[in-house]
Amino acid sequence: MKQLAIEAITKPMKLRGISKGIAELDGQRLEIDLDSLMIDFGGESFELDRIAGTKGGNRYFFLCPDCGRRCRLLYKRYLYFSCGTC
């Protein structure tokens, strides 16, 4: 089972002060736009949500593609990513 953690994506971007980027993760293209709250990874698009952080800035969450709830991790069991509850 493959998992995708939001912190692994957003933390390096916050440290560099950037909100958009293109990278490669596990041999697949990863395109991130924190301003429009979207991530494209390996042909799949994921919506994000953000809340105000306790120490300033923002805290980001994935929105589960199946149920729409906020989550910090997405899991890919067979063909699609979803949260641990789905």
N, C-alpha and C. Protein backbone atom coordinates (compact mmCIF):
# COMPACT_ATOMS: atom_id res chain seq x y z
N MET A 1 0.85 -1.17 0.00
CA MET A 1 0.00 0.00 0.00
C MET A 1 0.90 1.24 0.00
N LYS A 2 0.61 2.16 -0.88
CA LYS A 2 1.38 3.38 -1.02
C LYS A 2 0.70 4.49 -0.22
N GLN A 3 1.49 5.35 0.43
CA GLN A 3 0.88 6.46 1.14
C GLN A 3 1.53 7.77 0.73
N LEU A 4 0.73 8.83 0.78
CA LEU A 4 1.15 10.16 0.40
C LEU A 4 0.88 11.08 1.59
N ALA A 5 1.93 11.69 2.14
CA ALA A 5 1.81 12.55 3.32
C ALA A 5 1.90 14.01 2.91
N ILE A 6 0.96 14.82 3.39
CA ILE A 6 0.93 16.24 3.03
C ILE A 6 2.16 16.97 3.57
N GLU A 7 2.62 16.61 4.76
CA GLU A 7 3.79 17.27 5.35
C GLU A 7 5.05 17.06 4.52
N ALA A 8 5.20 15.89 3.93
CA ALA A 8 6.37 15.62 3.10
C ALA A 8 6.41 16.52 1.88
N ILE A 9 5.26 17.02 1.47
CA ILE A 9 5.18 17.89 0.30
C ILE A 9 5.27 19.36 0.68
N THR A 10 4.52 19.77 1.71
CA THR A 10 4.42 21.20 2.03
C THR A 10 5.57 21.73 2.88
N LYS A 11 6.15 20.91 3.74
CA LYS A 11 7.20 21.41 4.64
C LYS A 11 8.41 21.97 3.89
N PRO A 12 8.97 21.24 2.89
CA PRO A 12 10.10 21.83 2.15
C PRO A 12 9.72 23.11 1.41
N MET A 13 8.48 23.20 0.95
CA MET A 13 8.03 24.40 0.25
C MET A 13 7.94 25.58 1.21
N LYS A 14 7.42 25.34 2.41
CA LYS A 14 7.33 26.41 3.41
C LYS A 14 8.72 26.91 3.80
N LEU A 15 9.67 26.00 3.96
CA LEU A 15 11.03 26.39 4.34
C LEU A 15 11.69 27.26 3.27
N ARG A 16 11.35 27.03 2.01
CA ARG A 16 11.92 27.82 0.91
C ARG A 16 11.07 29.05 0.58
N GLY A 17 9.88 29.15 1.15
CA GLY A 17 9.00 30.29 0.90
C GLY A 17 8.37 30.28 -0.48
N ILE A 18 8.11 29.10 -1.04
CA ILE A 18 7.49 29.01 -2.36
C ILE A 18 6.10 28.38 -2.24
N SER A 19 5.23 28.70 -3.19
CA SER A 19 3.87 28.16 -3.15
C SER A 19 3.53 27.32 -4.38
N LYS A 20 4.42 27.30 -5.36
CA LYS A 20 4.19 26.49 -6.57
C LYS A 20 5.47 25.74 -6.90
N GLY A 21 5.31 24.52 -7.40
CA GLY A 21 6.50 23.77 -7.76
C GLY A 21 6.19 22.52 -8.55
N ILE A 22 7.21 22.03 -9.23
CA ILE A 22 7.12 20.79 -9.99
C ILE A 22 8.30 19.92 -9.56
N ALA A 23 8.01 18.68 -9.24
CA ALA A 23 9.06 17.76 -8.78
C ALA A 23 8.73 16.36 -9.27
N GLU A 24 9.55 15.41 -8.87
CA GLU A 24 9.31 14.01 -9.18
C GLU A 24 9.31 13.23 -7.88
N LEU A 25 8.30 12.39 -7.71
CA LEU A 25 8.16 11.57 -6.51
C LEU A 25 7.85 10.15 -6.94
N ASP A 26 8.67 9.20 -6.55
CA ASP A 26 8.51 7.79 -6.94
C ASP A 26 8.43 7.61 -8.45
N GLY A 27 9.20 8.42 -9.18
CA GLY A 27 9.23 8.31 -10.63
C GLY A 27 8.04 8.91 -11.35
N GLN A 28 7.18 9.63 -10.61
CA GLN A 28 6.01 10.26 -11.22
C GLN A 28 6.06 11.77 -11.00
N ARG A 29 5.50 12.50 -11.96
CA ARG A 29 5.48 13.96 -11.90
C ARG A 29 4.55 14.42 -10.77
N LEU A 30 5.03 15.39 -10.01
CA LEU A 30 4.28 15.98 -8.91
C LEU A 30 4.25 17.48 -9.13
N GLU A 31 3.06 18.03 -9.33
CA GLU A 31 2.89 19.47 -9.53
C GLU A 31 2.04 20.02 -8.40
N ILE A 32 2.56 21.04 -7.72
CA ILE A 32 1.93 21.56 -6.51
C ILE A 32 1.63 23.04 -6.70
N ASP A 33 0.41 23.44 -6.34
CA ASP A 33 0.03 24.85 -6.33
C ASP A 33 -0.74 25.11 -5.04
N LEU A 34 -0.05 25.64 -4.04
CA LEU A 34 -0.68 25.88 -2.75
C LEU A 34 -1.63 27.08 -2.79
N ASP A 35 -1.45 27.99 -3.76
CA ASP A 35 -2.35 29.14 -3.88
C ASP A 35 -3.74 28.70 -4.34
N SER A 36 -3.80 27.80 -5.32
CA SER A 36 -5.10 27.33 -5.81
C SER A 36 -5.50 26.01 -5.16
N LEU A 37 -4.72 25.55 -4.17
CA LEU A 37 -5.04 24.36 -3.37
C LEU A 37 -5.23 23.11 -4.21
N MET A 38 -4.26 22.84 -5.09
CA MET A 38 -4.30 21.65 -5.95
C MET A 38 -2.94 20.97 -6.00
N ILE A 39 -2.98 19.64 -6.08
CA ILE A 39 -1.78 18.83 -6.31
C ILE A 39 -2.12 17.85 -7.42
N ASP A 40 -1.26 17.77 -8.42
CA ASP A 40 -1.37 16.76 -9.48
C ASP A 40 -0.22 15.79 -9.29
N PHE A 41 -0.55 14.51 -9.16
CA PHE A 41 0.46 13.49 -8.93
C PHE A 41 0.14 12.27 -9.76
N GLY A 42 1.01 11.97 -10.70
CA GLY A 42 0.85 10.76 -11.51
C GLY A 42 -0.46 10.68 -12.25
N GLY A 43 -0.94 11.81 -12.77
CA GLY A 43 -2.19 11.81 -13.52
C GLY A 43 -3.44 11.96 -12.67
N GLU A 44 -3.30 12.03 -11.36
CA GLU A 44 -4.44 12.23 -10.46
C GLU A 44 -4.35 13.62 -9.85
N SER A 45 -5.49 14.27 -9.67
CA SER A 45 -5.54 15.59 -9.04
C SER A 45 -6.15 15.46 -7.65
N PHE A 46 -5.55 16.17 -6.71
CA PHE A 46 -6.05 16.17 -5.34
C PHE A 46 -6.30 17.60 -4.91
N GLU A 47 -7.46 17.83 -4.31
CA GLU A 47 -7.77 19.14 -3.76
C GLU A 47 -7.19 19.22 -2.35
N LEU A 48 -6.83 20.44 -1.97
CA LEU A 48 -6.31 20.68 -0.64
C LEU A 48 -7.23 21.63 0.12
N ASP A 49 -7.07 21.65 1.42
CA ASP A 49 -7.74 22.61 2.28
C ASP A 49 -6.67 23.19 3.18
N ARG A 50 -6.91 24.39 3.70
CA ARG A 50 -5.94 24.97 4.62
C ARG A 50 -6.67 25.66 5.76
N ILE A 51 -6.00 25.66 6.90
CA ILE A 51 -6.48 26.39 8.07
C ILE A 51 -5.32 27.22 8.59
N ALA A 52 -5.63 28.21 9.39
CA ALA A 52 -4.57 29.03 9.98
C ALA A 52 -3.77 28.18 10.96
N GLY A 53 -2.46 28.30 10.89
CA GLY A 53 -1.58 27.55 11.78
C GLY A 53 -1.50 28.22 13.15
N THR A 54 -1.13 27.45 14.16
CA THR A 54 -1.05 28.00 15.51
C THR A 54 0.15 28.91 15.69
N LYS A 55 1.17 28.76 14.86
CA LYS A 55 2.37 29.60 14.94
C LYS A 55 2.47 30.51 13.72
N GLY A 56 1.34 30.85 13.14
CA GLY A 56 1.33 31.66 11.93
C GLY A 56 1.39 30.78 10.70
N GLY A 57 1.17 31.37 9.55
CA GLY A 57 1.18 30.58 8.32
C GLY A 57 -0.08 29.74 8.19
N ASN A 58 0.00 28.71 7.37
CA ASN A 58 -1.15 27.84 7.12
C ASN A 58 -0.78 26.39 7.36
N ARG A 59 -1.79 25.60 7.67
CA ARG A 59 -1.63 24.15 7.78
C ARG A 59 -2.49 23.54 6.68
N TYR A 60 -1.89 22.65 5.91
CA TYR A 60 -2.57 22.09 4.74
C TYR A 60 -3.03 20.66 4.99
N PHE A 61 -4.14 20.31 4.33
CA PHE A 61 -4.73 18.98 4.40
C PHE A 61 -5.13 18.54 2.99
N PHE A 62 -5.09 17.25 2.74
CA PHE A 62 -5.73 16.71 1.55
C PHE A 62 -7.23 16.67 1.80
N LEU A 63 -8.02 16.80 0.74
CA LEU A 63 -9.44 16.48 0.81
C LEU A 63 -9.58 15.12 0.14
N CYS A 64 -10.10 14.15 0.88
CA CYS A 64 -10.20 12.79 0.36
C CYS A 64 -11.02 12.79 -0.93
N PRO A 65 -10.50 12.19 -2.00
CA PRO A 65 -11.24 12.13 -3.26
C PRO A 65 -12.55 11.34 -3.16
N ASP A 66 -12.66 10.43 -2.19
CA ASP A 66 -13.88 9.63 -2.05
C ASP A 66 -14.93 10.29 -1.17
N CYS A 67 -14.55 10.69 0.05
CA CYS A 67 -15.55 11.19 1.00
C CYS A 67 -15.47 12.69 1.25
N GLY A 68 -14.38 13.35 0.86
CA GLY A 68 -14.27 14.79 1.01
C GLY A 68 -13.77 15.27 2.37
N ARG A 69 -13.46 14.35 3.28
CA ARG A 69 -13.00 14.79 4.60
C ARG A 69 -11.53 15.17 4.54
N ARG A 70 -11.14 16.03 5.49
CA ARG A 70 -9.74 16.45 5.58
C ARG A 70 -8.88 15.34 6.14
N CYS A 71 -7.68 15.17 5.57
CA CYS A 71 -6.77 14.14 6.07
C CYS A 71 -5.33 14.56 5.80
N ARG A 72 -4.42 14.05 6.61
CA ARG A 72 -3.00 14.35 6.46
C ARG A 72 -2.29 13.31 5.59
N LEU A 73 -2.90 12.13 5.45
CA LEU A 73 -2.35 11.04 4.65
C LEU A 73 -3.39 10.52 3.68
N LEU A 74 -2.95 10.18 2.48
CA LEU A 74 -3.79 9.47 1.53
C LEU A 74 -3.13 8.13 1.25
N TYR A 75 -3.93 7.10 1.12
CA TYR A 75 -3.44 5.74 0.88
C TYR A 75 -3.92 5.25 -0.47
N LYS A 76 -3.05 4.58 -1.20
CA LYS A 76 -3.44 3.98 -2.48
C LYS A 76 -3.44 2.48 -2.29
N ARG A 77 -4.63 1.91 -2.27
CA ARG A 77 -4.73 0.47 -2.08
C ARG A 77 -4.66 -0.27 -3.39
N TYR A 78 -5.51 0.05 -4.31
CA TYR A 78 -5.51 -0.64 -5.60
C TYR A 78 -5.22 0.36 -6.71
N LEU A 79 -6.24 1.06 -7.17
CA LEU A 79 -6.05 1.99 -8.28
C LEU A 79 -6.11 3.45 -7.86
N TYR A 80 -6.75 3.75 -6.72
CA TYR A 80 -7.03 5.13 -6.34
C TYR A 80 -6.56 5.44 -4.93
N PHE A 81 -6.30 6.73 -4.70
CA PHE A 81 -5.96 7.21 -3.37
C PHE A 81 -7.24 7.55 -2.62
N SER A 82 -7.24 7.32 -1.31
CA SER A 82 -8.32 7.74 -0.43
C SER A 82 -7.78 7.83 0.99
N CYS A 83 -8.59 8.37 1.90
CA CYS A 83 -8.15 8.48 3.29
C CYS A 83 -8.22 7.12 3.97
N GLY A 84 -7.73 7.02 5.16
CA GLY A 84 -7.73 5.75 5.87
C GLY A 84 -9.11 5.29 6.30
N THR A 85 -10.09 6.20 6.32
CA THR A 85 -11.45 5.85 6.73
C THR A 85 -12.23 5.20 5.59
N CYS A 86 -11.98 5.63 4.37
CA CYS A 86 -12.73 5.10 3.21
C CYS A 86 -12.37 3.66 2.90
